[in-house]
């Protein structure tokens, strides 16, 4: 693995040479476990973590996360004793216990620590008020496809994150899929509505397609197979080809054909677009409420 360092030189020594060390993970549920999977088992050319310097605090991790950690001899505990202050702390606890966790972390981190939060609804200022002044913080909104290293994660950093820290966390998060840095934290509510919650909309679309197929005489099994494969294939095309979705749509829409007939329904004034607008607006509104 080759990584680009701040001085512009390349480092070919070790796949873990540019990583944070040690790393503390507080709260290793499904999402944090999915992220850890990508970090411990990165794709070729992407940054990874050295499991020998990984510490996890969560006595109640799901079985699949425990299995992953056991593979690398990482044993979660309620509280870990690190040899030195962590360079990276990923916080993945539930928002309602976030304050208590951060107060405990305040005495255990140093001025070199980057706090990486995947807790929903907790702003940079919410996090900072419980930590020492000047703490570097990155807030993230990942979505569930990080579980298959094909997720979408939006990031926002506070003013104390150094260029080196930004580069390191960008490399790590890239192992879980696509990364986008936001210009303003106010964008996070829209991000949450579009990509954070977005996979659920696609799963619902798969359900609807399958049920519609059943009503046209297909068996439930065949209808669901067709639905899932179609959505998976269409998503792959958008990822692989540098072509706008609108053009891909037009490419498969013959004038007067079956696709055109369906799109006349989906694209009319009372079709899918206004429903999506309303759904995104509702999700963004709820995100603002949860953020206080």
Protein backbone atom coordinates (compact mmCIF):
# COMPACT_ATOMS: atom_id res chain seq x y z
CA UNK A 1 0.00 0.00 0.00
CA UNK A 2 1.27 3.46 -0.85
CA UNK A 3 0.18 6.56 1.01
CA UNK A 4 0.89 10.24 0.40
CA UNK A 5 2.36 12.02 3.41
CA UNK A 6 2.10 15.73 4.25
CA UNK A 7 5.58 16.47 2.88
CA UNK A 8 4.63 15.03 -0.50
CA UNK A 9 6.82 11.96 -0.12
CA UNK A 10 5.48 8.46 -0.55
CA UNK A 11 5.65 5.76 2.08
CA UNK A 12 5.86 2.14 0.99
CA UNK A 13 6.96 0.61 4.27
CA UNK A 14 3.82 -0.81 5.88
CA UNK A 15 0.07 -0.88 5.27
CA UNK A 16 -0.36 0.59 8.75
CA UNK A 17 2.49 3.11 8.70
CA UNK A 18 0.34 6.22 8.20
CA UNK A 19 -2.49 5.15 10.51
CA UNK A 20 -3.45 6.52 13.88
CA UNK A 21 -1.97 4.61 16.79
CA UNK A 22 -3.30 3.76 19.27
CA UNK A 23 -6.99 3.79 18.32
CA UNK A 24 -9.83 3.64 20.84
CA UNK A 25 -13.36 2.71 19.79
CA UNK A 26 -16.08 3.55 22.30
CA UNK A 27 -19.32 1.83 21.33
CA UNK A 28 -18.96 -1.03 18.85
CA UNK A 29 -22.47 -1.71 17.61
CA UNK A 30 -23.55 -2.61 14.08
CA UNK A 31 -22.40 0.59 12.39
CA UNK A 32 -19.09 0.87 14.24
CA UNK A 33 -18.54 -2.85 13.65
CA UNK A 34 -19.08 -2.39 9.92
CA UNK A 35 -16.57 0.45 9.87
CA UNK A 36 -14.06 -1.60 11.87
CA UNK A 37 -14.44 -4.44 9.37
CA UNK A 38 -13.34 -2.12 6.56
CA UNK A 39 -10.53 -0.68 8.65
CA UNK A 40 -9.16 -4.04 9.72
CA UNK A 41 -9.65 -5.68 6.32
CA UNK A 42 -9.15 -2.81 3.83
CA UNK A 43 -9.34 -3.17 0.10
CA UNK A 44 -6.07 -3.07 -1.79
CA UNK A 45 -4.38 0.36 -1.81
CA UNK A 46 -6.56 1.71 1.01
CA UNK A 47 -5.47 2.60 4.53
CA UNK A 48 -5.98 0.19 7.40
CA UNK A 49 -5.58 -0.10 11.15
CA UNK A 50 -3.01 -2.13 13.04
CA UNK A 51 -5.12 -4.44 15.24
CA UNK A 52 -2.32 -4.58 17.79
CA UNK A 53 -2.96 -0.92 18.62
CA UNK A 54 -6.78 -1.14 18.58
CA UNK A 55 -8.77 -0.95 21.81
CA UNK A 56 -12.54 -1.36 22.01
CA UNK A 57 -14.82 -0.35 24.86
CA UNK A 58 -18.19 -2.04 24.60
CA UNK A 59 -19.03 -5.11 26.69
CA UNK A 60 -22.27 -5.60 24.73
CA UNK A 61 -21.12 -5.71 21.10
CA UNK A 62 -23.18 -7.85 18.68
CA UNK A 63 -21.94 -11.37 18.00
CA UNK A 64 -20.74 -10.58 14.49
CA UNK A 65 -18.65 -7.68 15.78
CA UNK A 66 -17.23 -9.88 18.54
CA UNK A 67 -16.32 -12.51 15.94
CA UNK A 68 -14.52 -9.90 13.84
CA UNK A 69 -12.55 -8.58 16.80
CA UNK A 70 -11.71 -12.08 18.02
CA UNK A 71 -10.16 -12.79 14.62
CA UNK A 72 -7.59 -10.11 15.45
CA UNK A 73 -7.30 -10.92 19.18
CA UNK A 74 -9.05 -7.68 20.15
CA UNK A 75 -11.04 -8.12 23.35
CA UNK A 76 -13.72 -5.47 24.11
CA UNK A 77 -13.94 -4.30 27.70
CA UNK A 78 -16.07 -1.85 29.62
CA UNK A 79 -13.00 0.37 30.02
CA UNK A 80 -9.56 -0.01 28.51
CA UNK A 81 -6.16 1.00 29.80
CA UNK A 82 -4.12 2.36 26.90
CA UNK A 83 -0.31 2.62 27.03
CA UNK A 84 -0.50 6.17 25.65
CA UNK A 85 -3.38 8.56 24.90
CA UNK A 86 -5.21 7.53 21.73
CA UNK A 87 -4.46 9.34 18.48
CA UNK A 88 -7.96 8.48 17.27
CA UNK A 89 -11.16 7.90 19.22
CA UNK A 90 -14.21 6.71 17.30
CA UNK A 91 -17.36 7.35 19.30
CA UNK A 92 -20.30 5.20 18.28
CA UNK A 93 -22.46 5.18 21.40
CA UNK A 94 -26.14 6.03 21.49
CA UNK A 95 -26.77 9.80 21.60
CA UNK A 96 -28.47 9.62 24.99
CA UNK A 97 -25.27 8.45 26.75
CA UNK A 98 -22.91 10.57 24.64
CA UNK A 99 -22.40 13.27 27.28
CA UNK A 100 -21.35 10.80 29.94
CA UNK A 101 -18.94 9.07 27.57
CA UNK A 102 -17.35 12.32 26.43
CA UNK A 103 -16.83 13.53 29.99
CA UNK A 104 -14.93 10.32 30.72
CA UNK A 105 -12.87 10.68 27.55
CA UNK A 106 -11.88 14.24 28.40
CA UNK A 107 -9.31 13.07 30.93
CA UNK A 108 -7.94 10.30 28.71
CA UNK A 109 -7.14 12.10 25.46
CA UNK A 110 -4.32 14.47 24.54
CA UNK A 111 -3.84 17.47 22.29
CA UNK A 112 -2.83 14.99 19.55
CA UNK A 113 -6.14 13.07 19.67
CA UNK A 114 -8.73 13.21 16.90
CA UNK A 115 -12.27 12.47 18.07
CA UNK A 116 -14.34 10.89 15.29
CA UNK A 117 -18.06 10.82 16.05
CA UNK A 118 -20.64 8.70 14.24
CA UNK A 119 -23.32 9.51 16.83
CA UNK A 120 -26.46 10.78 15.11
CA UNK A 121 -27.70 14.26 15.89
CA UNK A 122 -24.72 15.41 17.95
CA UNK A 123 -23.12 18.55 16.55
CA UNK A 124 -19.47 19.56 16.69
CA UNK A 125 -20.26 22.11 19.41
CA UNK A 126 -22.24 19.51 21.41
CA UNK A 127 -19.22 17.23 21.37
CA UNK A 128 -16.63 19.95 22.00
CA UNK A 129 -18.25 21.30 25.16
CA UNK A 130 -17.42 18.08 27.02
CA UNK A 131 -13.80 17.86 25.83
CA UNK A 132 -10.65 19.91 26.43
CA UNK A 133 -10.51 23.19 24.54
CA UNK A 134 -8.82 22.77 21.18
CA UNK A 135 -9.75 19.10 20.70
CA UNK A 136 -9.79 18.07 17.03
CA UNK A 137 -13.22 16.67 16.12
CA UNK A 138 -14.68 15.17 12.95
CA UNK A 139 -18.40 14.45 12.81
CA UNK A 140 -19.55 11.78 10.37
CA UNK A 141 -22.80 10.61 8.84
CA UNK A 142 -22.24 7.12 7.39
CA UNK A 143 -24.94 4.91 5.94
CA UNK A 144 -25.47 1.18 6.26
CA UNK A 145 -23.78 0.10 2.99
CA UNK A 146 -20.47 0.69 4.79
CA UNK A 147 -21.17 -2.91 5.87
CA UNK A 148 -20.20 -4.01 2.35
CA UNK A 149 -17.52 -1.31 1.95
CA UNK A 150 -19.77 0.55 -0.48
CA UNK A 151 -21.24 3.17 1.81
CA UNK A 152 -21.52 6.95 1.70
CA UNK A 153 -20.00 8.99 4.52
CA UNK A 154 -20.24 12.76 4.87
CA UNK A 155 -17.67 14.45 7.11
CA UNK A 156 -17.34 17.84 8.76
CA UNK A 157 -14.29 18.92 10.76
CA UNK A 158 -13.81 21.61 13.36
CA UNK A 159 -11.05 24.18 13.10
CA UNK A 160 -8.62 22.19 15.23
CA UNK A 161 -8.29 19.24 12.83
CA UNK A 162 -4.83 19.35 11.26
CA UNK A 163 -4.16 18.64 7.56
CA UNK A 164 -2.42 15.40 8.56
CA UNK A 165 -5.38 14.26 10.67
CA UNK A 166 -7.79 15.16 7.89
CA UNK A 167 -5.74 13.15 5.38
CA UNK A 168 -5.46 10.15 7.72
CA UNK A 169 -9.16 9.98 8.55
CA UNK A 170 -10.06 10.53 4.91
CA UNK A 171 -7.92 7.52 3.95
CA UNK A 172 -9.49 5.36 6.65
CA UNK A 173 -13.06 6.31 5.84
CA UNK A 174 -12.40 5.75 2.14
CA UNK A 175 -12.10 2.09 3.03
CA UNK A 176 -15.84 2.05 3.75
CA UNK A 177 -16.91 3.60 0.43
CA UNK A 178 -17.37 7.14 -0.87
CA UNK A 179 -16.36 10.16 1.23
CA UNK A 180 -17.62 13.74 0.97
CA UNK A 181 -16.39 16.66 3.08
CA UNK A 182 -19.02 19.28 3.87
CA UNK A 183 -18.44 23.03 3.77
CA UNK A 184 -20.93 23.77 6.51
CA UNK A 185 -22.35 21.66 9.33
CA UNK A 186 -25.86 22.88 8.50
CA UNK A 187 -25.65 20.62 5.43
CA UNK A 188 -25.62 17.55 7.68
CA UNK A 189 -29.42 17.50 8.04
CA UNK A 190 -29.88 17.26 4.28
CA UNK A 191 -27.11 14.67 4.07
CA UNK A 192 -28.87 12.63 6.74
CA UNK A 193 -32.12 12.82 4.80
CA UNK A 194 -30.59 11.88 1.44
CA UNK A 195 -27.82 9.36 2.16
CA UNK A 196 -28.04 8.54 5.86
CA UNK A 197 -31.66 7.45 5.60
CA UNK A 198 -31.51 6.84 1.85
CA UNK A 199 -30.83 3.08 1.87
CA UNK A 200 -34.19 2.54 3.58
CA UNK A 201 -35.92 4.29 0.66
CA UNK A 202 -34.20 1.95 -1.80
CA UNK A 203 -35.14 -1.09 0.27
CA UNK A 204 -38.76 0.11 0.25
CA UNK A 205 -38.56 0.55 -3.51
CA UNK A 206 -37.39 -3.06 -3.76
CA UNK A 207 -40.38 -4.16 -1.69
CA UNK A 208 -42.78 -2.13 -3.84
CA UNK A 209 -41.35 -3.45 -7.11
CA UNK A 210 -41.65 -7.02 -5.89
CA UNK A 211 -45.23 -6.57 -4.68
CA UNK A 212 -46.18 -4.97 -7.99
CA UNK A 213 -44.66 -7.94 -9.79
CA UNK A 214 -46.73 -10.32 -7.68
CA UNK A 215 -49.88 -8.43 -8.64
CA UNK A 216 -48.92 -9.03 -12.28
CA UNK A 217 -48.80 -12.78 -11.68
CA UNK A 218 -45.19 -13.45 -10.63
CA UNK A 219 -44.39 -15.68 -7.67
CA UNK A 220 -43.13 -13.83 -4.57
CA UNK A 221 -39.71 -15.46 -4.91
CA UNK A 222 -39.26 -14.53 -8.58
CA UNK A 223 -40.64 -11.03 -8.09
CA UNK A 224 -38.18 -10.33 -5.26
CA UNK A 225 -35.27 -11.80 -7.22
CA UNK A 226 -36.07 -9.56 -10.17
CA UNK A 227 -36.46 -6.51 -7.95
CA UNK A 228 -33.22 -6.98 -5.98
CA UNK A 229 -31.12 -7.82 -9.04
CA UNK A 230 -32.51 -4.88 -10.99
CA UNK A 231 -31.75 -2.36 -8.23
CA UNK A 232 -28.32 -3.86 -7.63
CA UNK A 233 -27.48 -3.76 -11.34
CA UNK A 234 -28.74 -0.22 -11.83
CA UNK A 235 -26.72 0.95 -8.82
CA UNK A 236 -23.61 -0.71 -10.20
CA UNK A 237 -24.07 1.04 -13.54
CA UNK A 238 -24.28 4.43 -11.84
CA UNK A 239 -21.14 3.65 -9.89
CA UNK A 240 -19.11 2.28 -12.78
CA UNK A 241 -20.03 4.70 -15.56
CA UNK A 242 -19.38 8.43 -15.48
CA UNK A 243 -22.81 9.07 -16.96
CA UNK A 244 -25.59 11.14 -15.33
CA UNK A 245 -28.57 9.06 -14.11
CA UNK A 246 -30.80 11.09 -16.41
CA UNK A 247 -28.80 9.88 -19.42
CA UNK A 248 -28.84 6.28 -18.22
CA UNK A 249 -32.62 6.57 -17.88
CA UNK A 250 -32.97 7.95 -21.38
CA UNK A 251 -30.73 5.20 -22.74
CA UNK A 252 -33.21 2.51 -21.67
CA UNK A 253 -36.37 4.43 -22.59
CA UNK A 254 -37.59 3.77 -26.11
CA UNK A 255 -40.26 6.09 -27.46
CA UNK A 256 -43.64 4.45 -27.10
CA UNK A 257 -42.19 1.46 -25.27
CA UNK A 258 -42.90 -0.18 -21.93
CA UNK A 259 -40.39 1.91 -19.96
CA UNK A 260 -41.83 5.11 -21.37
CA UNK A 261 -45.32 4.02 -20.32
CA UNK A 262 -44.15 3.45 -16.74
CA UNK A 263 -42.20 6.70 -16.60
CA UNK A 264 -45.28 8.66 -17.70
CA UNK A 265 -46.78 7.60 -14.37
CA UNK A 266 -43.65 8.05 -12.25
CA UNK A 267 -42.67 11.41 -13.75
CA UNK A 268 -46.02 13.22 -13.85
CA UNK A 269 -46.84 16.12 -11.51
CA UNK A 270 -48.21 13.74 -8.87
CA UNK A 271 -45.60 11.06 -9.39
CA UNK A 272 -42.38 10.10 -7.63
CA UNK A 273 -40.55 13.44 -7.55
CA UNK A 274 -42.96 15.28 -5.21
CA UNK A 275 -43.10 12.24 -2.93
CA UNK A 276 -39.30 12.15 -2.71
CA UNK A 277 -39.23 15.89 -2.01
CA UNK A 278 -41.71 15.47 0.82
CA UNK A 279 -39.84 12.49 2.25
CA UNK A 280 -36.48 14.29 2.24
CA UNK A 281 -38.06 17.37 3.80
CA UNK A 282 -39.58 15.25 6.58
CA UNK A 283 -36.29 13.46 7.29
CA UNK A 284 -34.28 16.71 7.29
CA UNK A 285 -36.80 18.32 9.64
CA UNK A 286 -36.52 15.39 12.03
CA UNK A 287 -32.73 15.54 11.86
CA UNK A 288 -32.84 19.21 12.91
CA UNK A 289 -35.15 18.31 15.81
CA UNK A 290 -32.82 15.57 17.00
CA UNK A 291 -29.84 17.93 16.81
CA UNK A 292 -31.63 20.37 19.09
